[in-house]
Amino acid sequence: MPQIDLASARRFRLALYAYKMNDQLHKLINFFLQNVLKAEELMKGKLNVDQPMCWRHNKTPRTGTIDKYTYEFHGIGCCFDFGDISVDYDYGDQGRIDGFDLWRLTIFGEQIKDFQSYVESGKIKIDFKECIEAGEIVQSSAKDDYLYYLSKSV
């Protein structure tokens, strides 16, 4: 039986992996992005602004309450607290809201029972790195955007 060298085995594993992102990571990213979208839609509607990221220009208070939720703009992002969970996100190039990074996913996942063991085990770090290597997650090439995006959205 022929031997397979480690480099070939790794390329093969990455090729297989490229066709299906780890289910837990995929669910976590999607849930994170759904909550970012929900936060943005609430702010647009309740604050009557088209782009919440332009809070200074819109004269929107840096911190505030919308219904029973709270928000706090910071640097190039926002932390939106839904009560049971909060989502901390940054705005990407040209105001994109579909970006993420390992730190933000980890902080978000720690709050949700279904993801706590996945995050605490460190598997999220391994899966995130493998998805980058497989090309399923790509870092923005924009100058001041360090976020990652699902490759199908770039």
C-alpha atoms as a PDB file:
ATOM      1  CA  MET A   1       0.000   0.000   0.000  1.00  0.00           C
ATOM      2  CA  PRO A   2       1.487   3.410  -0.988  1.00  0.00           C
ATOM      3  CA  GLN A   3       2.336   5.871   1.748  1.00  0.00           C
ATOM      4  CA  ILE A   4       0.829   9.361   1.693  1.00  0.00           C
ATOM      5  CA  ASP A   5       3.145  12.144   2.814  1.00  0.00           C
ATOM      6  CA  LEU A   6       1.877  14.549   5.480  1.00  0.00           C
ATOM      7  CA  ALA A   7       1.702  17.536   3.141  1.00  0.00           C
ATOM      8  CA  SER A   8      -0.491  15.603   0.704  1.00  0.00           C
ATOM      9  CA  ALA A   9      -2.695  14.368   3.523  1.00  0.00           C
ATOM     10  CA  ARG A  10      -3.113  17.915   4.811  1.00  0.00           C
ATOM     11  CA  ARG A  11      -4.004  19.255   1.348  1.00  0.00           C
ATOM     12  CA  PHE A  12      -6.508  16.429   0.926  1.00  0.00           C
ATOM     13  CA  ARG A  13      -8.060  17.129   4.332  1.00  0.00           C
ATOM     14  CA  LEU A  14      -8.302  20.845   3.514  1.00  0.00           C
ATOM     15  CA  ALA A  15      -9.839  20.067   0.130  1.00  0.00           C
ATOM     16  CA  LEU A  16     -12.507  17.971   1.805  1.00  0.00           C
ATOM     17  CA  TYR A  17     -12.993  20.563   4.507  1.00  0.00           C
ATOM     18  CA  ALA A  18     -13.483  23.281   1.914  1.00  0.00           C
ATOM     19  CA  TYR A  19     -16.744  21.703   0.853  1.00  0.00           C
ATOM     20  CA  LYS A  20     -18.311  21.780   4.288  1.00  0.00           C
ATOM     21  CA  MET A  21     -17.498  24.205   7.038  1.00  0.00           C
ATOM     22  CA  ASN A  22     -17.756  22.742  10.515  1.00  0.00           C
ATOM     23  CA  ASP A  23     -21.451  22.783  11.398  1.00  0.00           C
ATOM     24  CA  GLN A  24     -20.930  24.424  14.816  1.00  0.00           C
ATOM     25  CA  LEU A  25     -18.810  27.226  13.380  1.00  0.00           C
ATOM     26  CA  HIS A  26     -21.253  27.744  10.530  1.00  0.00           C
ATOM     27  CA  LYS A  27     -24.184  27.982  12.944  1.00  0.00           C
ATOM     28  CA  LEU A  28     -22.281  30.336  15.242  1.00  0.00           C
ATOM     29  CA  ILE A  29     -21.300  32.681  12.397  1.00  0.00           C
ATOM     30  CA  ASN A  30     -24.854  32.708  11.058  1.00  0.00           C
ATOM     31  CA  PHE A  31     -26.355  33.370  14.503  1.00  0.00           C
ATOM     32  CA  PHE A  32     -23.817  36.137  15.126  1.00  0.00           C
ATOM     33  CA  LEU A  33     -24.612  37.790  11.780  1.00  0.00           C
ATOM     34  CA  GLN A  34     -28.381  37.426  12.326  1.00  0.00           C
ATOM     35  CA  ASN A  35     -28.052  39.287  15.614  1.00  0.00           C
ATOM     36  CA  VAL A  36     -25.918  42.014  14.039  1.00  0.00           C
ATOM     37  CA  LEU A  37     -28.568  42.457  11.341  1.00  0.00           C
ATOM     38  CA  LYS A  38     -31.331  42.524  13.977  1.00  0.00           C
ATOM     39  CA  ALA A  39     -29.442  45.197  15.956  1.00  0.00           C
ATOM     40  CA  GLU A  40     -28.877  47.312  12.855  1.00  0.00           C
ATOM     41  CA  GLU A  41     -32.519  47.056  11.780  1.00  0.00           C
ATOM     42  CA  LEU A  42     -33.727  48.038  15.255  1.00  0.00           C
ATOM     43  CA  MET A  43     -31.414  51.046  15.294  1.00  0.00           C
ATOM     44  CA  LYS A  44     -32.417  52.117  11.797  1.00  0.00           C
ATOM     45  CA  GLY A  45     -36.092  51.935  12.656  1.00  0.00           C
ATOM     46  CA  LYS A  46     -36.107  53.316  16.188  1.00  0.00           C
ATOM     47  CA  LEU A  47     -33.393  55.946  15.727  1.00  0.00           C
ATOM     48  CA  ASN A  48     -34.743  56.878  12.285  1.00  0.00           C
ATOM     49  CA  VAL A  49     -31.334  56.686  10.578  1.00  0.00           C
ATOM     50  CA  ASP A  50     -30.187  55.001   7.384  1.00  0.00           C
ATOM     51  CA  GLN A  51     -26.712  54.181   8.655  1.00  0.00           C
ATOM     52  CA  PRO A  52     -26.288  53.654  12.398  1.00  0.00           C
ATOM     53  CA  MET A  53     -22.518  53.620  11.923  1.00  0.00           C
ATOM     54  CA  CYS A  54     -22.710  57.357  11.198  1.00  0.00           C
ATOM     55  CA  TRP A  55     -23.929  57.996  14.715  1.00  0.00           C
ATOM     56  CA  ARG A  56     -21.781  61.108  15.180  1.00  0.00           C
ATOM     57  CA  HIS A  57     -22.976  62.651  11.919  1.00  0.00           C
ATOM     58  CA  ASN A  58     -26.584  61.647  12.717  1.00  0.00           C
ATOM     59  CA  LYS A  59     -26.239  63.187  16.195  1.00  0.00           C
ATOM     60  CA  THR A  60     -27.245  59.855  17.703  1.00  0.00           C
ATOM     61  CA  PRO A  61     -26.225  59.458  21.340  1.00  0.00           C
ATOM     62  CA  ARG A  62     -23.199  57.164  21.728  1.00  0.00           C
ATOM     63  CA  THR A  63     -25.144  55.056  24.220  1.00  0.00           C
ATOM     64  CA  GLY A  64     -28.854  54.574  24.511  1.00  0.00           C
ATOM     65  CA  THR A  65     -31.878  52.385  24.890  1.00  0.00           C
ATOM     66  CA  ILE A  66     -34.182  51.046  22.213  1.00  0.00           C
ATOM     67  CA  ASP A  67     -37.270  49.442  23.675  1.00  0.00           C
ATOM     68  CA  LYS A  68     -35.804  47.104  26.320  1.00  0.00           C
ATOM     69  CA  TYR A  69     -32.403  46.852  24.610  1.00  0.00           C
ATOM     70  CA  THR A  70     -29.271  48.954  24.988  1.00  0.00           C
ATOM     71  CA  TYR A  71     -26.555  49.928  22.550  1.00  0.00           C
ATOM     72  CA  GLU A  72     -23.133  51.500  22.815  1.00  0.00           C
ATOM     73  CA  PHE A  73     -21.115  52.710  19.852  1.00  0.00           C
ATOM     74  CA  HIS A  74     -17.353  52.322  20.191  1.00  0.00           C
ATOM     75  CA  GLY A  75     -14.438  52.959  17.886  1.00  0.00           C
ATOM     76  CA  ILE A  76     -15.626  51.522  14.581  1.00  0.00           C
ATOM     77  CA  GLY A  77     -18.385  49.365  15.964  1.00  0.00           C
ATOM     78  CA  CYS A  78     -21.255  48.829  18.306  1.00  0.00           C
ATOM     79  CA  CYS A  79     -22.181  46.593  21.213  1.00  0.00           C
ATOM     80  CA  PHE A  80     -25.886  45.821  21.217  1.00  0.00           C
ATOM     81  CA  ASP A  81     -27.370  44.157  24.287  1.00  0.00           C
ATOM     82  CA  PHE A  82     -30.553  42.169  23.746  1.00  0.00           C
ATOM     83  CA  GLY A  83     -30.843  41.348  27.438  1.00  0.00           C
ATOM     84  CA  ASP A  84     -30.131  37.634  27.214  1.00  0.00           C
ATOM     85  CA  ILE A  85     -27.194  38.064  24.827  1.00  0.00           C
ATOM     86  CA  SER A  86     -25.143  40.908  23.458  1.00  0.00           C
ATOM     87  CA  VAL A  87     -23.380  41.177  20.143  1.00  0.00           C
ATOM     88  CA  ASP A  88     -20.249  43.271  19.704  1.00  0.00           C
ATOM     89  CA  TYR A  89     -19.406  44.014  16.090  1.00  0.00           C
ATOM     90  CA  ASP A  90     -17.347  46.364  13.988  1.00  0.00           C
ATOM     91  CA  TYR A  91     -18.319  48.035  10.760  1.00  0.00           C
ATOM     92  CA  GLY A  92     -16.282  46.851   7.817  1.00  0.00           C
ATOM     93  CA  ASP A  93     -15.246  48.570   4.618  1.00  0.00           C
ATOM     94  CA  GLN A  94     -18.007  50.836   3.285  1.00  0.00           C
ATOM     95  CA  GLY A  95     -20.188  50.069   6.305  1.00  0.00           C
ATOM     96  CA  ARG A  96     -20.379  46.318   5.855  1.00  0.00           C
ATOM     97  CA  ILE A  97     -22.020  44.521   8.778  1.00  0.00           C
ATOM     98  CA  ASP A  98     -21.326  40.931   7.728  1.00  0.00           C
ATOM     99  CA  GLY A  99     -17.776  40.786   9.089  1.00  0.00           C
ATOM    100  CA  PHE A 100     -16.485  38.903  12.104  1.00  0.00           C
ATOM    101  CA  ASP A 101     -13.302  37.758  13.753  1.00  0.00           C
ATOM    102  CA  LEU A 102     -12.383  34.944  16.091  1.00  0.00           C
ATOM    103  CA  TRP A 103     -12.476  37.138  19.191  1.00  0.00           C
ATOM    104  CA  ARG A 104     -15.993  38.441  18.498  1.00  0.00           C
ATOM    105  CA  LEU A 105     -17.317  34.962  17.693  1.00  0.00           C
ATOM    106  CA  THR A 106     -15.736  33.590  20.858  1.00  0.00           C
ATOM    107  CA  ILE A 107     -17.218  36.292  23.101  1.00  0.00           C
ATOM    108  CA  PHE A 108     -20.606  35.839  21.448  1.00  0.00           C
ATOM    109  CA  GLY A 109     -20.505  32.033  21.616  1.00  0.00           C
ATOM    110  CA  GLU A 110     -19.599  32.014  25.314  1.00  0.00           C
ATOM    111  CA  GLN A 111     -23.000  33.536  26.064  1.00  0.00           C
ATOM    112  CA  ILE A 112     -25.028  30.831  24.333  1.00  0.00           C
ATOM    113  CA  LYS A 113     -25.457  27.432  25.910  1.00  0.00           C
ATOM    114  CA  ASP A 114     -25.396  25.577  22.571  1.00  0.00           C
ATOM    115  CA  PHE A 115     -21.946  26.998  21.782  1.00  0.00           C
ATOM    116  CA  GLN A 116     -20.263  27.200  25.191  1.00  0.00           C
ATOM    117  CA  SER A 117     -18.539  23.804  25.110  1.00  0.00           C
ATOM    118  CA  TYR A 118     -17.479  24.371  21.491  1.00  0.00           C
ATOM    119  CA  VAL A 119     -15.817  27.662  22.436  1.00  0.00           C
ATOM    120  CA  GLU A 120     -14.367  26.456  25.753  1.00  0.00           C
ATOM    121  CA  SER A 121     -12.830  23.376  24.122  1.00  0.00           C
ATOM    122  CA  GLY A 122     -10.776  25.563  21.782  1.00  0.00           C
ATOM    123  CA  LYS A 123     -12.231  23.780  18.747  1.00  0.00           C
ATOM    124  CA  ILE A 124     -13.507  27.101  17.451  1.00  0.00           C
ATOM    125  CA  LYS A 125      -9.886  28.285  17.000  1.00  0.00           C
ATOM    126  CA  ILE A 126      -8.939  25.177  15.056  1.00  0.00           C
ATOM    127  CA  ASP A 127     -12.032  25.333  12.851  1.00  0.00           C
ATOM    128  CA  PHE A 128     -11.616  29.053  12.217  1.00  0.00           C
ATOM    129  CA  LYS A 129      -8.017  28.562  11.112  1.00  0.00           C
ATOM    130  CA  GLU A 130      -8.925  25.607   8.895  1.00  0.00           C
ATOM    131  CA  CYS A 131     -11.702  27.605   7.237  1.00  0.00           C
ATOM    132  CA  ILE A 132      -9.235  30.376   6.457  1.00  0.00           C
ATOM    133  CA  GLU A 133      -6.804  27.840   4.980  1.00  0.00           C
ATOM    134  CA  ALA A 134      -9.628  26.263   2.967  1.00  0.00           C
ATOM    135  CA  GLY A 135     -10.709  29.648   1.624  1.00  0.00           C
ATOM    136  CA  GLU A 136     -14.171  29.552   3.176  1.00  0.00           C
ATOM    137  CA  ILE A 137     -13.382  32.543   5.361  1.00  0.00           C
ATOM    138  CA  VAL A 138     -11.366  35.388   3.882  1.00  0.00           C
ATOM    139  CA  GLN A 139      -9.922  38.493   5.444  1.00  0.00           C
ATOM    140  CA  SER A 140     -10.878  41.760   3.849  1.00  0.00           C
ATOM    141  CA  SER A 141      -8.312  43.299   1.548  1.00  0.00           C
ATOM    142  CA  ALA A 142      -9.594  46.816   2.266  1.00  0.00           C
ATOM    143  CA  LYS A 143      -7.077  49.101   3.935  1.00  0.00           C
ATOM    144  CA  ASP A 144      -8.628  49.540   7.389  1.00  0.00           C
ATOM    145  CA  ASP A 145     -10.867  46.476   7.456  1.00  0.00           C
ATOM    146  CA  TYR A 146      -9.322  43.597   9.406  1.00  0.00           C
ATOM    147  CA  LEU A 147     -12.529  41.563   9.594  1.00  0.00           C
ATOM    148  CA  TYR A 148     -13.183  38.193   8.015  1.00  0.00           C
ATOM    149  CA  TYR A 149     -16.069  37.370   5.714  1.00  0.00           C
ATOM    150  CA  LEU A 150     -17.615  34.237   4.328  1.00  0.00           C
ATOM    151  CA  SER A 151     -15.917  33.775   0.965  1.00  0.00           C
ATOM    152  CA  LYS A 152     -19.252  33.564  -0.839  1.00  0.00           C
ATOM    153  CA  SER A 153     -20.051  37.114   0.299  1.00  0.00           C
ATOM    154  CA  VAL A 154     -16.835  38.744  -0.920  1.00  0.00           C
END
